[in-house]
Amino acid sequence: MKIETIVFLLNEFEHKVNKTEEIEFWLARDIQQLLGYAQWRNFVLVIDWAKSACINSGQTIDDHFADVSKMVDIGSGAAQEMLFQVKMGNKEIQSVKKLKQKD
């Protein structure tokens, strides 16, 4: 991978990071395209595999992934609650990336 691509992706990930109480996390829908997934339905399958890997390694899913909702604009000034988002930390993103490389 070219250094320019790496720098671009690093900057994009840093731009998408969320912070609360000094905890960094990313919303899956915000980074799905950065990880090469154009469609949410394909990305959520990989997240589910990462959750399974979490369970298989003796971890608790809730310690690493959190399902959250987010309000999104749907046009005409209206907003709708997006019922399914996944909040992931850096370790969880690495797990998803490894699964992507196996595709």
C-alpha atoms as a PDB file:
ATOM      1  CA  MET A   1       0.000   0.000   0.000  1.00  0.00           C
ATOM      2  CA  LYS A   2       1.305   3.450  -0.900  1.00  0.00           C
ATOM      3  CA  ILE A   3       2.292   5.778   1.928  1.00  0.00           C
ATOM      4  CA  GLU A   4      -0.152   8.394   0.608  1.00  0.00           C
ATOM      5  CA  THR A   5      -3.014   5.890   0.916  1.00  0.00           C
ATOM      6  CA  ILE A   6      -1.997   4.986   4.465  1.00  0.00           C
ATOM      7  CA  VAL A   7      -1.822   8.651   5.495  1.00  0.00           C
ATOM      8  CA  PHE A   8      -5.205   9.321   3.861  1.00  0.00           C
ATOM      9  CA  LEU A   9      -6.859   6.386   5.665  1.00  0.00           C
ATOM     10  CA  LEU A  10      -5.304   7.333   9.007  1.00  0.00           C
ATOM     11  CA  ASN A  11      -6.617  10.864   8.649  1.00  0.00           C
ATOM     12  CA  GLU A  12     -10.065   9.590   7.677  1.00  0.00           C
ATOM     13  CA  PHE A  13     -10.208   7.256  10.700  1.00  0.00           C
ATOM     14  CA  GLU A  14      -9.123  10.075  13.003  1.00  0.00           C
ATOM     15  CA  HIS A  15     -11.787  12.321  11.465  1.00  0.00           C
ATOM     16  CA  LYS A  16     -14.502   9.705  12.163  1.00  0.00           C
ATOM     17  CA  VAL A  17     -13.517   8.970  15.794  1.00  0.00           C
ATOM     18  CA  ASN A  18     -15.991   9.722  18.590  1.00  0.00           C
ATOM     19  CA  LYS A  19     -14.952  10.377  22.181  1.00  0.00           C
ATOM     20  CA  THR A  20     -16.893  10.178  25.421  1.00  0.00           C
ATOM     21  CA  GLU A  21     -15.338  10.126  28.869  1.00  0.00           C
ATOM     22  CA  GLU A  22     -11.912   9.649  27.261  1.00  0.00           C
ATOM     23  CA  ILE A  23     -13.045   6.506  25.424  1.00  0.00           C
ATOM     24  CA  GLU A  24     -12.465   6.467  21.674  1.00  0.00           C
ATOM     25  CA  PHE A  25     -14.902   4.596  19.471  1.00  0.00           C
ATOM     26  CA  TRP A  26     -16.137   4.486  15.900  1.00  0.00           C
ATOM     27  CA  LEU A  27     -19.642   3.964  14.579  1.00  0.00           C
ATOM     28  CA  ALA A  28     -19.632   1.144  12.066  1.00  0.00           C
ATOM     29  CA  ARG A  29     -21.775   2.990   9.539  1.00  0.00           C
ATOM     30  CA  ASP A  30     -19.284   5.866   9.610  1.00  0.00           C
ATOM     31  CA  ILE A  31     -16.331   3.654   8.683  1.00  0.00           C
ATOM     32  CA  GLN A  32     -17.842   0.881   6.573  1.00  0.00           C
ATOM     33  CA  GLN A  33     -16.724   2.442   3.284  1.00  0.00           C
ATOM     34  CA  LEU A  34     -13.223   3.106   4.617  1.00  0.00           C
ATOM     35  CA  LEU A  35     -12.976  -0.644   5.202  1.00  0.00           C
ATOM     36  CA  GLY A  36     -14.199  -1.396   1.688  1.00  0.00           C
ATOM     37  CA  TYR A  37     -17.891  -2.160   2.241  1.00  0.00           C
ATOM     38  CA  ALA A  38     -20.315  -0.270   0.026  1.00  0.00           C
ATOM     39  CA  GLN A  39     -23.396  -1.972   1.476  1.00  0.00           C
ATOM     40  CA  TRP A  40     -24.315  -2.108   5.153  1.00  0.00           C
ATOM     41  CA  ARG A  41     -25.782  -5.613   4.855  1.00  0.00           C
ATOM     42  CA  ASN A  42     -22.364  -6.983   3.835  1.00  0.00           C
ATOM     43  CA  PHE A  43     -20.515  -5.095   6.540  1.00  0.00           C
ATOM     44  CA  VAL A  44     -22.875  -6.208   9.298  1.00  0.00           C
ATOM     45  CA  LEU A  45     -22.078  -9.851   8.402  1.00  0.00           C
ATOM     46  CA  VAL A  46     -18.395  -9.204   9.061  1.00  0.00           C
ATOM     47  CA  ILE A  47     -19.228  -7.471  12.332  1.00  0.00           C
ATOM     48  CA  ASP A  48     -21.274 -10.517  13.334  1.00  0.00           C
ATOM     49  CA  TRP A  49     -18.288 -12.760  12.541  1.00  0.00           C
ATOM     50  CA  ALA A  50     -16.079 -10.506  14.679  1.00  0.00           C
ATOM     51  CA  LYS A  51     -18.616 -10.780  17.510  1.00  0.00           C
ATOM     52  CA  SER A  52     -18.517 -14.588  17.173  1.00  0.00           C
ATOM     53  CA  ALA A  53     -14.730 -14.514  17.322  1.00  0.00           C
ATOM     54  CA  CYS A  54     -15.056 -12.430  20.477  1.00  0.00           C
ATOM     55  CA  ILE A  55     -17.291 -15.063  22.087  1.00  0.00           C
ATOM     56  CA  ASN A  56     -15.039 -17.922  20.918  1.00  0.00           C
ATOM     57  CA  SER A  57     -12.055 -16.269  22.596  1.00  0.00           C
ATOM     58  CA  GLY A  58     -13.929 -16.079  25.905  1.00  0.00           C
ATOM     59  CA  GLN A  59     -14.681 -12.345  25.699  1.00  0.00           C
ATOM     60  CA  THR A  60     -17.995 -10.683  26.419  1.00  0.00           C
ATOM     61  CA  ILE A  61     -19.450  -8.958  23.356  1.00  0.00           C
ATOM     62  CA  ASP A  62     -20.752  -6.035  25.417  1.00  0.00           C
ATOM     63  CA  ASP A  63     -17.180  -5.197  26.446  1.00  0.00           C
ATOM     64  CA  HIS A  64     -16.216  -4.627  22.807  1.00  0.00           C
ATOM     65  CA  PHE A  65     -19.309  -3.899  20.717  1.00  0.00           C
ATOM     66  CA  ALA A  66     -22.347  -1.806  21.560  1.00  0.00           C
ATOM     67  CA  ASP A  67     -25.487  -1.517  19.469  1.00  0.00           C
ATOM     68  CA  VAL A  68     -26.581   2.114  19.445  1.00  0.00           C
ATOM     69  CA  SER A  69     -29.016   4.283  17.527  1.00  0.00           C
ATOM     70  CA  LYS A  70     -28.390   7.572  15.825  1.00  0.00           C
ATOM     71  CA  MET A  71     -30.660  10.230  14.348  1.00  0.00           C
ATOM     72  CA  VAL A  72     -30.189  10.718  10.601  1.00  0.00           C
ATOM     73  CA  ASP A  73     -31.602  13.294   8.215  1.00  0.00           C
ATOM     74  CA  ILE A  74     -34.109  11.827   5.766  1.00  0.00           C
ATOM     75  CA  GLY A  75     -34.803  15.002   3.819  1.00  0.00           C
ATOM     76  CA  SER A  76     -37.261  17.888   4.068  1.00  0.00           C
ATOM     77  CA  GLY A  77     -35.767  18.778   7.451  1.00  0.00           C
ATOM     78  CA  ALA A  78     -37.038  15.544   8.996  1.00  0.00           C
ATOM     79  CA  ALA A  79     -34.939  13.061  10.968  1.00  0.00           C
ATOM     80  CA  GLN A  80     -35.370   9.386  11.723  1.00  0.00           C
ATOM     81  CA  GLU A  81     -33.700   7.204  14.305  1.00  0.00           C
ATOM     82  CA  MET A  82     -31.296   4.711  12.709  1.00  0.00           C
ATOM     83  CA  LEU A  83     -32.042   1.622  14.735  1.00  0.00           C
ATOM     84  CA  PHE A  84     -28.813  -0.260  14.185  1.00  0.00           C
ATOM     85  CA  GLN A  85     -25.348   1.129  14.628  1.00  0.00           C
ATOM     86  CA  VAL A  86     -22.395  -0.647  16.117  1.00  0.00           C
ATOM     87  CA  LYS A  87     -19.950   1.153  18.371  1.00  0.00           C
ATOM     88  CA  MET A  88     -16.450  -0.350  18.129  1.00  0.00           C
ATOM     89  CA  GLY A  89     -13.085   0.396  19.637  1.00  0.00           C
ATOM     90  CA  ASN A  90      -9.732   0.203  17.867  1.00  0.00           C
ATOM     91  CA  LYS A  91      -9.243  -3.467  18.821  1.00  0.00           C
ATOM     92  CA  GLU A  92     -12.600  -4.385  17.297  1.00  0.00           C
ATOM     93  CA  ILE A  93     -11.828  -2.528  14.070  1.00  0.00           C
ATOM     94  CA  GLN A  94      -8.602  -4.527  13.793  1.00  0.00           C
ATOM     95  CA  SER A  95     -10.632  -7.733  14.138  1.00  0.00           C
ATOM     96  CA  VAL A  96     -12.993  -6.626  11.379  1.00  0.00           C
ATOM     97  CA  LYS A  97     -10.026  -5.709   9.146  1.00  0.00           C
ATOM     98  CA  LYS A  98      -8.526  -9.184   9.595  1.00  0.00           C
ATOM     99  CA  LEU A  99     -11.810 -10.760   8.566  1.00  0.00           C
ATOM    100  CA  LYS A 100     -11.941  -8.478   5.523  1.00  0.00           C
ATOM    101  CA  GLN A 101      -8.466  -9.650   4.465  1.00  0.00           C
ATOM    102  CA  LYS A 102      -9.678 -13.264   4.512  1.00  0.00           C
ATOM    103  CA  ASP A 103     -12.384 -12.464   1.890  1.00  0.00           C
END
